[in-house]
Amino acid sequence: METALLNTSLAGVRMLQNWISEGLAVRIAIVDQERIDGRLIWQDT
């Protein structure tokens, strides 16, 4: 089974990788106004 590689030429992919390496805190706002706070630790393809 072949695995897809991340396309690091995409700015969004590089941005997420930087956030992961820096341990940057992120907040995700869900449609119903619920918020999830945390840190990214992994990026899948």
C-alpha atoms as a PDB file:
ATOM      1  CA  MET A   1       0.000   0.000   0.000  1.00  0.00           C
ATOM      2  CA  GLU A   2       1.414   3.363  -1.055  1.00  0.00           C
ATOM      3  CA  THR A   3       1.312   6.276   1.384  1.00  0.00           C
ATOM      4  CA  ALA A   4       0.772   9.870   0.271  1.00  0.00           C
ATOM      5  CA  LEU A   5       3.328  12.463   1.280  1.00  0.00           C
ATOM      6  CA  LEU A   6       2.498  15.910   2.607  1.00  0.00           C
ATOM      7  CA  ASN A   7       2.857  18.579  -0.056  1.00  0.00           C
ATOM      8  CA  THR A   8       5.185  20.962   1.751  1.00  0.00           C
ATOM      9  CA  SER A   9       5.002  23.429  -1.146  1.00  0.00           C
ATOM     10  CA  LEU A  10       1.569  24.412   0.210  1.00  0.00           C
ATOM     11  CA  ALA A  11       1.667  27.348   2.615  1.00  0.00           C
ATOM     12  CA  GLY A  12      -1.001  25.824   4.890  1.00  0.00           C
ATOM     13  CA  VAL A  13       0.968  22.594   5.314  1.00  0.00           C
ATOM     14  CA  ARG A  14       4.118  24.531   6.230  1.00  0.00           C
ATOM     15  CA  MET A  15       2.151  26.736   8.642  1.00  0.00           C
ATOM     16  CA  LEU A  16       0.738  23.721  10.508  1.00  0.00           C
ATOM     17  CA  GLN A  17       4.191  22.113  10.647  1.00  0.00           C
ATOM     18  CA  ASN A  18       5.583  25.315  12.176  1.00  0.00           C
ATOM     19  CA  TRP A  19       2.784  25.412  14.757  1.00  0.00           C
ATOM     20  CA  ILE A  20       3.535  21.791  15.684  1.00  0.00           C
ATOM     21  CA  SER A  21       7.294  22.370  16.016  1.00  0.00           C
ATOM     22  CA  GLU A  22       6.765  25.559  18.065  1.00  0.00           C
ATOM     23  CA  GLY A  23       4.172  23.953  20.345  1.00  0.00           C
ATOM     24  CA  LEU A  24       1.844  26.876  19.605  1.00  0.00           C
ATOM     25  CA  ALA A  25      -1.472  26.882  21.482  1.00  0.00           C
ATOM     26  CA  VAL A  26      -4.486  26.855  19.158  1.00  0.00           C
ATOM     27  CA  ARG A  27      -8.222  27.370  19.614  1.00  0.00           C
ATOM     28  CA  ILE A  28     -10.791  25.787  17.325  1.00  0.00           C
ATOM     29  CA  ALA A  29     -14.266  27.334  17.351  1.00  0.00           C
ATOM     30  CA  ILE A  30     -17.101  24.940  16.485  1.00  0.00           C
ATOM     31  CA  VAL A  31     -20.300  26.098  14.770  1.00  0.00           C
ATOM     32  CA  ASP A  32     -22.339  25.975  17.995  1.00  0.00           C
ATOM     33  CA  GLN A  33     -19.828  28.365  19.682  1.00  0.00           C
ATOM     34  CA  GLU A  34     -18.070  25.560  21.570  1.00  0.00           C
ATOM     35  CA  ARG A  35     -14.297  26.081  21.666  1.00  0.00           C
ATOM     36  CA  ILE A  36     -11.518  23.530  21.885  1.00  0.00           C
ATOM     37  CA  ASP A  37      -8.114  24.701  23.145  1.00  0.00           C
ATOM     38  CA  GLY A  38      -4.952  22.652  22.782  1.00  0.00           C
ATOM     39  CA  ARG A  39      -1.698  22.101  20.966  1.00  0.00           C
ATOM     40  CA  LEU A  40      -1.147  20.328  17.676  1.00  0.00           C
ATOM     41  CA  ILE A  41       1.134  17.306  17.930  1.00  0.00           C
ATOM     42  CA  TRP A  42       0.696  15.573  14.567  1.00  0.00           C
ATOM     43  CA  GLN A  43      -0.310  16.249  10.963  1.00  0.00           C
ATOM     44  CA  ASP A  44      -1.693  13.483   8.755  1.00  0.00           C
ATOM     45  CA  THR A  45      -1.838  13.614   4.981  1.00  0.00           C
END
